[in-house]
Each structure stands twice: as C-alpha cells, then as structure tokens.
Amino acid sequence: MVTQLQVEMNQQRYYLFQPRGLNPEDGTPVKRFWCVETRIIGGELIPDVKMPVEVLGTEVEDNASGFAGVATAICLHISGCVHVTVQPKGKLSKTNAAVEPHDFDIRRLKGDAIKPMTETERQADQTAKPSPENITRYQPRMSE
C-alpha cells in the first residue's frame, strides 16, 4: 500500500510503500521503502492531487518553535495531511555540520507562499486530515 507521496524541489515524486506482512522475528510490520515514481509499473498510485508545490524553495517558519528555513520537500500522507521539510541555513559551531532539516505539518508554518487559515478552518482541516505521528521522510542519497 502507498502511504505517502513526497515531492522534492526538482518536482521528482517519491512514494512510500508499506508491504503487507509481519516480520517473523519480532511481529512488527515489514520494512517500508521509498520508490521513485518512474520505477513504478502498474498498480494504483496516489492520484494527481493538488499539492502546494508553490511553497517549495520559499522561506517558511514554524509558528510553534520558530524553526525557519527553506521548504525543500512536500509530503502528502495517506490521511490527506501535508507536511513540509524545512532546511535551515547555517552549520553547527561545534561540528561544522549542516543543521538537520525537520518535518512540519504545513498548518503550523507561515511564509509568503502559505495561505493563512482561520482557527475555525484549521480545526476543520485537522479533523478532516489528521497529522500522522510516525513521520518517514524520503532522504535522497548523494548519488541520486
């Protein structure tokens, strides 16, 4: 079953598959995997839905934490909820590593490309499209 669709800044689409079955070792669901759209043959994928791709490449900020950066990916969950991956600028002073990107429900974000919602609209949207707790984000390998 397809459980997520992620669109990257280059408009490439990736799908997260959850195969049916349990791991015989520990009884947990078998491992999920990402697949680029061009490698998928047959079956039913998430249809062309209106994704807010205009947010990609723009500056956004999380209303709750103040975490800010560039929207680098948009993910549609099976529930209909949309999440945005935010990559901040800068590096960590101790290690010189890039600050890790974070995933946020789009309803928590503000930015020029994000249409603000009233509190009533937000509550109705959250009821209709609940945000999942277990977020799995596609992370491209450097060779892709």
Protein backbone atom coordinates (compact mmCIF):
# COMPACT_ATOMS: atom_id res chain seq x y z
CA MET A 1 0.00 0.00 0.00
CA VAL A 2 1.20 3.52 -0.78
CA THR A 3 1.17 5.56 2.43
CA GLN A 4 2.98 8.77 1.43
CA LEU A 5 3.82 10.85 -1.62
CA GLN A 6 6.76 13.24 -1.41
CA VAL A 7 7.61 15.92 -3.96
CA GLU A 8 11.14 17.34 -3.94
CA MET A 9 12.25 20.79 -5.14
CA ASN A 10 13.15 19.31 -8.55
CA GLN A 11 9.48 18.11 -8.82
CA GLN A 12 10.58 14.45 -8.56
CA ARG A 13 7.88 12.32 -6.90
CA TYR A 14 8.65 9.52 -4.44
CA TYR A 15 6.18 7.05 -2.96
CA LEU A 16 6.45 5.26 0.39
CA PHE A 17 5.23 1.67 0.23
CA GLN A 18 4.17 -0.44 3.21
CA PRO A 19 4.18 -4.07 2.10
CA ARG A 20 1.61 -6.37 3.65
CA GLY A 21 3.03 -8.76 6.23
CA LEU A 22 4.80 -9.03 9.55
CA ASN A 23 8.42 -9.65 10.39
CA PRO A 24 8.60 -13.25 11.70
CA GLU A 25 11.41 -12.29 14.10
CA ASP A 26 9.56 -9.63 16.11
CA GLY A 27 5.98 -9.44 14.80
CA THR A 28 6.34 -5.83 13.59
CA PRO A 29 5.26 -4.68 10.11
CA VAL A 30 7.77 -5.48 7.37
CA LYS A 31 10.09 -2.64 6.42
CA ARG A 32 8.68 0.24 4.38
CA PHE A 33 10.54 1.50 1.32
CA TRP A 34 10.64 4.55 -0.95
CA CYS A 35 10.44 4.28 -4.71
CA VAL A 36 10.81 6.98 -7.35
CA GLU A 37 7.70 7.34 -9.50
CA THR A 38 9.44 6.43 -12.76
CA ARG A 39 10.30 2.94 -11.43
CA ILE A 40 6.70 2.03 -10.61
CA ILE A 41 4.77 -0.11 -13.12
CA GLY A 42 1.10 -0.94 -12.67
CA GLY A 43 -0.96 -0.66 -9.51
CA GLU A 44 -2.72 2.36 -8.15
CA LEU A 45 -0.70 5.35 -7.01
CA ILE A 46 -1.89 8.45 -5.24
CA PRO A 47 -3.76 10.35 -7.96
CA ASP A 48 -2.68 13.78 -9.11
CA VAL A 49 -3.84 15.78 -6.14
CA LYS A 50 -3.36 19.50 -5.62
CA MET A 51 -0.08 19.73 -3.72
CA PRO A 52 1.12 23.18 -2.61
CA VAL A 53 4.33 22.93 -4.66
CA GLU A 54 4.50 26.72 -4.79
CA VAL A 55 5.87 26.50 -1.21
CA LEU A 56 8.99 24.65 -2.41
CA GLY A 57 12.08 26.85 -2.40
CA THR A 58 10.46 29.55 -0.26
CA GLU A 59 11.31 30.70 3.27
CA VAL A 60 8.99 29.30 5.94
CA GLU A 61 8.86 29.33 9.74
CA ASP A 62 7.27 27.03 12.30
CA ASN A 63 4.80 29.05 14.37
CA ALA A 64 5.34 26.88 17.46
CA SER A 65 9.16 26.66 17.67
CA GLY A 66 10.46 29.47 15.45
CA PHE A 67 12.48 26.93 13.38
CA ALA A 68 12.94 28.60 9.98
CA GLY A 69 14.48 27.82 6.62
CA VAL A 70 13.73 26.83 3.05
CA ALA A 71 10.90 24.41 2.18
CA THR A 72 12.75 21.61 0.37
CA ALA A 73 10.07 18.90 0.10
CA ILE A 74 6.32 18.43 0.47
CA CYS A 75 4.81 15.15 1.65
CA LEU A 76 1.20 14.04 1.35
CA HIS A 77 0.22 11.42 3.92
CA ILE A 78 -2.49 8.81 3.44
CA SER A 79 -4.70 10.83 5.83
CA GLY A 80 -4.57 13.81 3.45
CA CYS A 81 -2.31 15.83 5.76
CA VAL A 82 0.53 17.76 4.10
CA HIS A 83 3.97 18.10 5.69
CA VAL A 84 6.85 20.32 4.63
CA THR A 85 10.54 19.58 5.11
CA VAL A 86 12.34 22.72 6.29
CA GLN A 87 16.11 23.07 5.83
CA PRO A 88 17.58 25.92 7.90
CA LYS A 89 20.64 27.91 6.86
CA GLY A 90 23.89 27.60 8.71
CA LYS A 91 26.07 24.99 10.35
CA LEU A 92 26.61 23.77 13.88
CA SER A 93 29.50 25.62 15.51
CA LYS A 94 30.92 22.53 17.29
CA THR A 95 30.96 20.14 14.32
CA ASN A 96 30.56 22.39 11.26
CA ALA A 97 27.78 20.00 10.11
CA ALA A 98 24.66 21.37 8.46
CA VAL A 99 21.67 21.84 10.76
CA GLU A 100 19.32 18.87 10.27
CA PRO A 101 16.10 19.53 8.33
CA HIS A 102 12.79 18.99 10.12
CA ASP A 103 9.34 17.97 9.02
CA PHE A 104 6.32 20.12 9.97
CA ASP A 105 2.60 19.94 9.38
CA ILE A 106 2.01 22.76 6.86
CA ARG A 107 -0.74 24.12 9.13
CA ARG A 108 2.00 25.03 11.66
CA LEU A 109 4.03 27.02 9.16
CA LYS A 110 3.94 30.60 7.99
CA GLY A 111 5.52 32.07 4.88
CA ASP A 112 4.71 34.14 1.81
CA ALA A 113 3.63 31.06 -0.19
CA ILE A 114 1.45 29.58 2.59
CA LYS A 115 -2.18 30.65 2.70
CA PRO A 116 -3.09 31.51 6.31
CA MET A 117 -6.08 29.72 7.85
CA THR A 118 -8.53 30.99 10.42
CA GLU A 119 -8.72 28.99 13.65
CA THR A 120 -12.06 27.53 12.51
CA GLU A 121 -10.58 26.49 9.13
CA ARG A 122 -7.53 24.96 10.85
CA GLN A 123 -9.63 22.91 13.28
CA ALA A 124 -11.88 21.63 10.48
CA ASP A 125 -8.85 20.75 8.33
CA GLN A 126 -7.12 18.94 11.23
CA THR A 127 -10.28 16.93 11.88
CA ALA A 128 -10.64 16.01 8.20
CA LYS A 129 -6.89 15.41 7.62
CA PRO A 130 -5.18 14.38 10.87
CA SER A 131 -1.42 14.65 11.06
CA PRO A 132 0.36 11.30 11.44
CA GLU A 133 2.62 10.70 14.42
CA ASN A 134 5.19 8.46 12.73
CA ILE A 135 6.82 10.61 10.05
CA THR A 136 9.05 8.96 7.48
CA ARG A 137 10.81 11.42 5.23
CA TYR A 138 12.46 10.50 1.93
CA GLN A 139 16.14 11.37 2.08
CA PRO A 140 17.92 11.25 -1.26
CA ARG A 141 21.37 9.73 -1.35
CA MET A 142 24.19 11.96 -2.58
CA SER A 143 24.49 9.76 -5.70
CA GLU A 144 20.89 10.44 -6.82
